[in-house]
Amino acid sequence: MDNLDAYAASPERGRGHVLLEWPGPSQKALCDGRDLAATLDLRQITLSVLHDHLGLARRQLDHDVFPDGADLELLPDLLV
């Protein structure tokens, strides 16, 4: 298996929901030959929760929360 998928399990989703694709711990997938590769910016999770759960506008998030995060994508359907 070349890739492993990360799943977030929830009762509503049953079998889980794919959040990201992880390349696994093979030598070729390691960052600098020693570290696991980052596959998700944790700021995306924070932005998604603040947007979807608290209802903050993306403009406000980009201006006040993560001014350097305009290129971050919201994670769809993170909260059920």
PDB file of N, CA and C in Angstrom:
ATOM      1  N   MET A   1       0.849  -1.173   0.000  1.00  0.00           N
ATOM      2  CA  MET A   1       0.000   0.000   0.000  1.00  0.00           C
ATOM      3  C   MET A   1       0.896   1.238   0.000  1.00  0.00           C
ATOM      4  N   ASP A   2       0.753   2.088  -1.012  1.00  0.00           N
ATOM      5  CA  ASP A   2       1.572   3.283  -1.113  1.00  0.00           C
ATOM      6  C   ASP A   2       1.064   4.414  -0.230  1.00  0.00           C
ATOM      7  N   ASN A   3      -0.228   4.581  -0.167  1.00  0.00           N
ATOM      8  CA  ASN A   3      -0.811   5.692   0.588  1.00  0.00           C
ATOM      9  C   ASN A   3      -1.761   5.178   1.649  1.00  0.00           C
ATOM     10  N   LEU A   4      -1.834   5.912   2.728  1.00  0.00           N
ATOM     11  CA  LEU A   4      -2.799   5.627   3.781  1.00  0.00           C
ATOM     12  C   LEU A   4      -3.733   6.820   3.870  1.00  0.00           C
ATOM     13  N   ASP A   5      -5.004   6.572   4.059  1.00  0.00           N
ATOM     14  CA  ASP A   5      -5.966   7.661   4.193  1.00  0.00           C
ATOM     15  C   ASP A   5      -6.288   7.862   5.660  1.00  0.00           C
ATOM     16  N   ALA A   6      -6.417   9.127   6.062  1.00  0.00           N
ATOM     17  CA  ALA A   6      -6.822   9.444   7.433  1.00  0.00           C
ATOM     18  C   ALA A   6      -8.332   9.599   7.458  1.00  0.00           C
ATOM     19  N   TYR A   7      -8.944   9.001   8.425  1.00  0.00           N
ATOM     20  CA  TYR A   7     -10.391   9.042   8.542  1.00  0.00           C
ATOM     21  C   TYR A   7     -10.784   9.683   9.867  1.00  0.00           C
ATOM     22  N   ALA A   8     -11.862  10.407   9.833  1.00  0.00           N
ATOM     23  CA  ALA A   8     -12.460  10.926  11.061  1.00  0.00           C
ATOM     24  C   ALA A   8     -13.765  10.161  11.246  1.00  0.00           C
ATOM     25  N   ALA A   9     -13.834   9.372  12.260  1.00  0.00           N
ATOM     26  CA  ALA A   9     -15.029   8.559  12.486  1.00  0.00           C
ATOM     27  C   ALA A   9     -16.070   9.366  13.248  1.00  0.00           C
ATOM     28  N   SER A  10     -17.288   9.204  12.873  1.00  0.00           N
ATOM     29  CA  SER A  10     -18.388   9.820  13.604  1.00  0.00           C
ATOM     30  C   SER A  10     -19.609   8.929  13.419  1.00  0.00           C
ATOM     31  N   PRO A  11     -20.509   8.936  14.391  1.00  0.00           N
ATOM     32  CA  PRO A  11     -21.709   8.095  14.262  1.00  0.00           C
ATOM     33  C   PRO A  11     -22.537   8.453  13.036  1.00  0.00           C
ATOM     34  N   GLU A  12     -22.587   9.752  12.686  1.00  0.00           N
ATOM     35  CA  GLU A  12     -23.388  10.184  11.557  1.00  0.00           C
ATOM     36  C   GLU A  12     -22.803   9.696  10.228  1.00  0.00           C
ATOM     37  N   ARG A  13     -21.509   9.574  10.164  1.00  0.00           N
ATOM     38  CA  ARG A  13     -20.849   9.201   8.927  1.00  0.00           C
ATOM     39  C   ARG A  13     -20.685   7.689   8.784  1.00  0.00           C
ATOM     40  N   GLY A  14     -20.877   6.975   9.886  1.00  0.00           N
ATOM     41  CA  GLY A  14     -20.772   5.525   9.821  1.00  0.00           C
ATOM     42  C   GLY A  14     -19.339   5.061   9.635  1.00  0.00           C
ATOM     43  N   ARG A  15     -18.934   4.831   8.401  1.00  0.00           N
ATOM     44  CA  ARG A  15     -17.625   4.251   8.118  1.00  0.00           C
ATOM     45  C   ARG A  15     -16.494   5.260   8.167  1.00  0.00           C
ATOM     46  N   GLY A  16     -16.759   6.534   8.353  1.00  0.00           N
ATOM     47  CA  GLY A  16     -15.700   7.536   8.423  1.00  0.00           C
ATOM     48  C   GLY A  16     -15.698   8.428   7.205  1.00  0.00           C
ATOM     49  N   HIS A  17     -14.907   9.460   7.276  1.00  0.00           N
ATOM     50  CA  HIS A  17     -14.844  10.469   6.231  1.00  0.00           C
ATOM     51  C   HIS A  17     -13.372  10.760   5.945  1.00  0.00           C
ATOM     52  N   VAL A  18     -12.977  10.730   4.703  1.00  0.00           N
ATOM     53  CA  VAL A  18     -11.578  10.978   4.356  1.00  0.00           C
ATOM     54  C   VAL A  18     -11.262  12.453   4.521  1.00  0.00           C
ATOM     55  N   LEU A  19     -10.281  12.765   5.350  1.00  0.00           N
ATOM     56  CA  LEU A  19      -9.843  14.142   5.540  1.00  0.00           C
ATOM     57  C   LEU A  19      -8.627  14.469   4.678  1.00  0.00           C
ATOM     58  N   LEU A  20      -7.744  13.528   4.532  1.00  0.00           N
ATOM     59  CA  LEU A  20      -6.520  13.783   3.793  1.00  0.00           C
ATOM     60  C   LEU A  20      -5.896  12.470   3.346  1.00  0.00           C
ATOM     61  N   GLU A  21      -4.972  12.571   2.452  1.00  0.00           N
ATOM     62  CA  GLU A  21      -4.232  11.395   2.018  1.00  0.00           C
ATOM     63  C   GLU A  21      -2.826  11.487   2.597  1.00  0.00           C
ATOM     64  N   TRP A  22      -2.401  10.455   3.286  1.00  0.00           N
ATOM     65  CA  TRP A  22      -1.097  10.436   3.919  1.00  0.00           C
ATOM     66  C   TRP A  22      -0.201   9.472   3.155  1.00  0.00           C
ATOM     67  N   PRO A  23       1.012   9.910   2.798  1.00  0.00           N
ATOM     68  CA  PRO A  23       1.876   9.064   1.989  1.00  0.00           C
ATOM     69  C   PRO A  23       2.502   7.885   2.721  1.00  0.00           C
ATOM     70  N   GLY A  24       2.357   7.813   4.033  1.00  0.00           N
ATOM     71  CA  GLY A  24       2.916   6.708   4.796  1.00  0.00           C
ATOM     72  C   GLY A  24       4.337   6.984   5.248  1.00  0.00           C
ATOM     73  N   PRO A  25       4.933   6.038   5.974  1.00  0.00           N
ATOM     74  CA  PRO A  25       6.258   6.254   6.543  1.00  0.00           C
ATOM     75  C   PRO A  25       7.419   5.702   5.711  1.00  0.00           C
ATOM     76  N   SER A  26       7.202   5.481   4.427  1.00  0.00           N
ATOM     77  CA  SER A  26       8.295   4.938   3.618  1.00  0.00           C
ATOM     78  C   SER A  26       9.433   5.956   3.520  1.00  0.00           C
ATOM     79  N   GLN A  27      10.620   5.484   3.249  1.00  0.00           N
ATOM     80  CA  GLN A  27      11.790   6.357   3.189  1.00  0.00           C
ATOM     81  C   GLN A  27      11.610   7.465   2.166  1.00  0.00           C
ATOM     82  N   LYS A  28      11.010   7.170   1.010  1.00  0.00           N
ATOM     83  CA  LYS A  28      10.840   8.188  -0.030  1.00  0.00           C
ATOM     84  C   LYS A  28       9.804   9.244   0.346  1.00  0.00           C
ATOM     85  N   ALA A  29       8.917   8.926   1.292  1.00  0.00           N
ATOM     86  CA  ALA A  29       7.885   9.873   1.694  1.00  0.00           C
ATOM     87  C   ALA A  29       8.319  10.769   2.852  1.00  0.00           C
ATOM     88  N   LEU A  30       9.451  10.471   3.467  1.00  0.00           N
ATOM     89  CA  LEU A  30       9.907  11.248   4.607  1.00  0.00           C
ATOM     90  C   LEU A  30      10.434  12.613   4.173  1.00  0.00           C
ATOM     91  N   CYS A  31      10.189  13.604   4.989  1.00  0.00           N
ATOM     92  CA  CYS A  31      10.698  14.949   4.760  1.00  0.00           C
ATOM     93  C   CYS A  31      12.138  14.992   5.273  1.00  0.00           C
ATOM     94  N   ASP A  32      13.045  15.430   4.428  1.00  0.00           N
ATOM     95  CA  ASP A  32      14.478  15.462   4.759  1.00  0.00           C
ATOM     96  C   ASP A  32      15.017  14.086   5.134  1.00  0.00           C
ATOM     97  N   GLY A  33      14.344  13.045   4.654  1.00  0.00           N
ATOM     98  CA  GLY A  33      14.807  11.690   4.892  1.00  0.00           C
ATOM     99  C   GLY A  33      14.643  11.184   6.303  1.00  0.00           C
ATOM    100  N   ARG A  34      13.930  11.958   7.156  1.00  0.00           N
ATOM    101  CA  ARG A  34      13.823  11.514   8.549  1.00  0.00           C
ATOM    102  C   ARG A  34      12.485  11.804   9.216  1.00  0.00           C
ATOM    103  N   ASP A  35      11.743  12.798   8.738  1.00  0.00           N
ATOM    104  CA  ASP A  35      10.516  13.216   9.407  1.00  0.00           C
ATOM    105  C   ASP A  35       9.289  12.857   8.583  1.00  0.00           C
ATOM    106  N   LEU A  36       8.192  12.552   9.265  1.00  0.00           N
ATOM    107  CA  LEU A  36       6.940  12.324   8.557  1.00  0.00           C
ATOM    108  C   LEU A  36       6.509  13.621   7.883  1.00  0.00           C
ATOM    109  N   ALA A  37       6.015  13.503   6.688  1.00  0.00           N
ATOM    110  CA  ALA A  37       5.605  14.672   5.925  1.00  0.00           C
ATOM    111  C   ALA A  37       4.309  15.255   6.478  1.00  0.00           C
ATOM    112  N   ALA A  38       4.260  16.572   6.532  1.00  0.00           N
ATOM    113  CA  ALA A  38       3.017  17.244   6.927  1.00  0.00           C
ATOM    114  C   ALA A  38       2.035  17.154   5.764  1.00  0.00           C
ATOM    115  N   THR A  39       0.810  16.791   6.049  1.00  0.00           N
ATOM    116  CA  THR A  39      -0.176  16.651   4.987  1.00  0.00           C
ATOM    117  C   THR A  39      -1.345  17.605   5.159  1.00  0.00           C
ATOM    118  N   LEU A  40      -1.419  18.269   6.305  1.00  0.00           N
ATOM    119  CA  LEU A  40      -2.528  19.168   6.572  1.00  0.00           C
ATOM    120  C   LEU A  40      -2.039  20.271   7.491  1.00  0.00           C
ATOM    121  N   ASP A  41      -2.358  21.487   7.139  1.00  0.00           N
ATOM    122  CA  ASP A  41      -2.028  22.627   7.989  1.00  0.00           C
ATOM    123  C   ASP A  41      -3.110  22.709   9.063  1.00  0.00           C
ATOM    124  N   LEU A  42      -2.725  22.619  10.315  1.00  0.00           N
ATOM    125  CA  LEU A  42      -3.703  22.615  11.396  1.00  0.00           C
ATOM    126  C   LEU A  42      -4.513  23.904  11.448  1.00  0.00           C
ATOM    127  N   ARG A  43      -4.003  24.962  10.819  1.00  0.00           N
ATOM    128  CA  ARG A  43      -4.780  26.200  10.748  1.00  0.00           C
ATOM    129  C   ARG A  43      -6.056  25.987   9.934  1.00  0.00           C
ATOM    130  N   GLN A  44      -6.031  25.036   9.002  1.00  0.00           N
ATOM    131  CA  GLN A  44      -7.231  24.743   8.216  1.00  0.00           C
ATOM    132  C   GLN A  44      -8.355  24.211   9.105  1.00  0.00           C
ATOM    133  N   ILE A  45      -7.998  23.375  10.057  1.00  0.00           N
ATOM    134  CA  ILE A  45      -8.999  22.839  10.982  1.00  0.00           C
ATOM    135  C   ILE A  45      -9.566  23.973  11.828  1.00  0.00           C
ATOM    136  N   THR A  46      -8.687  24.825  12.352  1.00  0.00           N
ATOM    137  CA  THR A  46      -9.133  25.954  13.167  1.00  0.00           C
ATOM    138  C   THR A  46     -10.043  26.876  12.370  1.00  0.00           C
ATOM    139  N   LEU A  47      -9.628  27.226  11.153  1.00  0.00           N
ATOM    140  CA  LEU A  47     -10.445  28.100  10.311  1.00  0.00           C
ATOM    141  C   LEU A  47     -11.808  27.476  10.032  1.00  0.00           C
ATOM    142  N   SER A  48     -11.811  26.199   9.735  1.00  0.00           N
ATOM    143  CA  SER A  48     -13.059  25.516   9.401  1.00  0.00           C
ATOM    144  C   SER A  48     -14.019  25.486  10.584  1.00  0.00           C
ATOM    145  N   VAL A  49     -13.502  25.243  11.775  1.00  0.00           N
ATOM    146  CA  VAL A  49     -14.347  25.216  12.970  1.00  0.00           C
ATOM    147  C   VAL A  49     -14.884  26.622  13.260  1.00  0.00           C
ATOM    148  N   LEU A  50     -14.019  27.618  13.185  1.00  0.00           N
ATOM    149  CA  LEU A  50     -14.468  28.987  13.447  1.00  0.00           C
ATOM    150  C   LEU A  50     -15.493  29.444  12.416  1.00  0.00           C
ATOM    151  N   HIS A  51     -15.316  29.031  11.183  1.00  0.00           N
ATOM    152  CA  HIS A  51     -16.242  29.412  10.110  1.00  0.00           C
ATOM    153  C   HIS A  51     -17.563  28.646  10.211  1.00  0.00           C
ATOM    154  N   ASP A  52     -17.492  27.325  10.283  1.00  0.00           N
ATOM    155  CA  ASP A  52     -18.696  26.493  10.230  1.00  0.00           C
ATOM    156  C   ASP A  52     -19.460  26.449  11.554  1.00  0.00           C
ATOM    157  N   HIS A  53     -18.733  26.405  12.665  1.00  0.00           N
ATOM    158  CA  HIS A  53     -19.397  26.243  13.962  1.00  0.00           C
ATOM    159  C   HIS A  53     -19.766  27.589  14.580  1.00  0.00           C
ATOM    160  N   LEU A  54     -18.850  28.546  14.520  1.00  0.00           N
ATOM    161  CA  LEU A  54     -19.115  29.842  15.139  1.00  0.00           C
ATOM    162  C   LEU A  54     -19.650  30.879  14.162  1.00  0.00           C
ATOM    163  N   GLY A  55     -19.628  30.558  12.883  1.00  0.00           N
ATOM    164  CA  GLY A  55     -20.212  31.445  11.882  1.00  0.00           C
ATOM    165  C   GLY A  55     -19.395  32.673  11.546  1.00  0.00           C
ATOM    166  N   LEU A  56     -18.091  32.654  11.820  1.00  0.00           N
ATOM    167  CA  LEU A  56     -17.258  33.805  11.479  1.00  0.00           C
ATOM    168  C   LEU A  56     -17.056  33.865   9.969  1.00  0.00           C
ATOM    169  N   ALA A  57     -17.114  35.056   9.420  1.00  0.00           N
ATOM    170  CA  ALA A  57     -16.938  35.241   7.982  1.00  0.00           C
ATOM    171  C   ALA A  57     -15.488  34.994   7.591  1.00  0.00           C
ATOM    172  N   ARG A  58     -15.296  34.489   6.404  1.00  0.00           N
ATOM    173  CA  ARG A  58     -13.934  34.207   5.926  1.00  0.00           C
ATOM    174  C   ARG A  58     -13.097  35.480   5.920  1.00  0.00           C
ATOM    175  N   ARG A  59     -13.705  36.591   5.542  1.00  0.00           N
ATOM    176  CA  ARG A  59     -12.980  37.864   5.517  1.00  0.00           C
ATOM    177  C   ARG A  59     -12.433  38.207   6.911  1.00  0.00           C
ATOM    178  N   GLN A  60     -13.253  37.986   7.933  1.00  0.00           N
ATOM    179  CA  GLN A  60     -12.831  38.251   9.306  1.00  0.00           C
ATOM    180  C   GLN A  60     -11.718  37.291   9.737  1.00  0.00           C
ATOM    181  N   LEU A  61     -11.849  36.031   9.360  1.00  0.00           N
ATOM    182  CA  LEU A  61     -10.823  35.044   9.699  1.00  0.00           C
ATOM    183  C   LEU A  61      -9.483  35.415   9.060  1.00  0.00           C
ATOM    184  N   ASP A  62      -9.525  35.818   7.795  1.00  0.00           N
ATOM    185  CA  ASP A  62      -8.291  36.176   7.092  1.00  0.00           C
ATOM    186  C   ASP A  62      -7.665  37.440   7.659  1.00  0.00           C
ATOM    187  N   HIS A  63      -8.488  38.353   8.138  1.00  0.00           N
ATOM    188  CA  HIS A  63      -7.978  39.619   8.651  1.00  0.00           C
ATOM    189  C   HIS A  63      -7.528  39.529  10.106  1.00  0.00           C
ATOM    190  N   ASP A  64      -8.344  38.879  10.958  1.00  0.00           N
ATOM    191  CA  ASP A  64      -8.109  38.909  12.404  1.00  0.00           C
ATOM    192  C   ASP A  64      -7.467  37.660  12.991  1.00  0.00           C
ATOM    193  N   VAL A  65      -7.758  36.509  12.435  1.00  0.00           N
ATOM    194  CA  VAL A  65      -7.284  35.262  13.044  1.00  0.00           C
ATOM    195  C   VAL A  65      -5.952  34.811  12.445  1.00  0.00           C
ATOM    196  N   PHE A  66      -5.920  34.628  11.129  1.00  0.00           N
ATOM    197  CA  PHE A  66      -4.703  34.216  10.438  1.00  0.00           C
ATOM    198  C   PHE A  66      -4.457  35.164   9.265  1.00  0.00           C
ATOM    199  N   PRO A  67      -3.858  36.345   9.528  1.00  0.00           N
ATOM    200  CA  PRO A  67      -3.636  37.319   8.457  1.00  0.00           C
ATOM    201  C   PRO A  67      -2.785  36.774   7.310  1.00  0.00           C
ATOM    202  N   ASP A  68      -1.973  35.777   7.580  1.00  0.00           N
ATOM    203  CA  ASP A  68      -1.123  35.204   6.525  1.00  0.00           C
ATOM    204  C   ASP A  68      -1.729  33.917   5.947  1.00  0.00           C
ATOM    205  N   GLY A  69      -2.999  33.665   6.242  1.00  0.00           N
ATOM    206  CA  GLY A  69      -3.607  32.399   5.839  1.00  0.00           C
ATOM    207  C   GLY A  69      -4.640  32.493   4.735  1.00  0.00           C
ATOM    208  N   ALA A  70      -4.574  33.530   3.908  1.00  0.00           N
ATOM    209  CA  ALA A  70      -5.571  33.689   2.852  1.00  0.00           C
ATOM    210  C   ALA A  70      -5.554  32.523   1.858  1.00  0.00           C
ATOM    211  N   ASP A  71      -4.439  31.832   1.743  1.00  0.00           N
ATOM    212  CA  ASP A  71      -4.335  30.712   0.800  1.00  0.00           C
ATOM    213  C   ASP A  71      -4.830  29.388   1.402  1.00  0.00           C
ATOM    214  N   LEU A  72      -5.206  29.396   2.685  1.00  0.00           N
ATOM    215  CA  LEU A  72      -5.696  28.171   3.334  1.00  0.00           C
ATOM    216  C   LEU A  72      -7.125  27.882   2.891  1.00  0.00           C
ATOM    217  N   GLU A  73      -7.393  26.638   2.577  1.00  0.00           N
ATOM    218  CA  GLU A  73      -8.734  26.239   2.172  1.00  0.00           C
ATOM    219  C   GLU A  73      -9.507  25.738   3.393  1.00  0.00           C
ATOM    220  N   LEU A  74     -10.794  26.080   3.427  1.00  0.00           N
ATOM    221  CA  LEU A  74     -11.666  25.526   4.459  1.00  0.00           C
ATOM    222  C   LEU A  74     -11.889  24.045   4.168  1.00  0.00           C
ATOM    223  N   LEU A  75     -12.005  23.253   5.197  1.00  0.00           N
ATOM    224  CA  LEU A  75     -12.267  21.829   5.047  1.00  0.00           C
ATOM    225  C   LEU A  75     -13.778  21.616   5.012  1.00  0.00           C
ATOM    226  N   PRO A  76     -14.314  21.138   3.908  1.00  0.00           N
ATOM    227  CA  PRO A  76     -15.759  20.969   3.820  1.00  0.00           C
ATOM    228  C   PRO A  76     -16.265  19.830   4.701  1.00  0.00           C
ATOM    229  N   ASP A  77     -17.407  20.050   5.291  1.00  0.00           N
ATOM    230  CA  ASP A  77     -18.087  19.011   6.080  1.00  0.00           C
ATOM    231  C   ASP A  77     -17.245  18.483   7.228  1.00  0.00           C
ATOM    232  N   LEU A  78     -16.417  19.336   7.815  1.00  0.00           N
ATOM    233  CA  LEU A  78     -15.604  18.896   8.942  1.00  0.00           C
ATOM    234  C   LEU A  78     -16.482  18.623  10.158  1.00  0.00           C
ATOM    235  N   LEU A  79     -17.465  19.481  10.362  1.00  0.00           N
ATOM    236  CA  LEU A  79     -18.386  19.308  11.486  1.00  0.00           C
ATOM    237  C   LEU A  79     -19.698  18.750  10.985  1.00  0.00           C
ATOM    238  N   VAL A  80     -20.217  17.811  11.703  1.00  0.00           N
ATOM    239  CA  VAL A  80     -21.494  17.206  11.320  1.00  0.00           C
ATOM    240  C   VAL A  80     -22.530  17.571  12.350  1.00  0.00           C
TER     241      VAL A  80
END
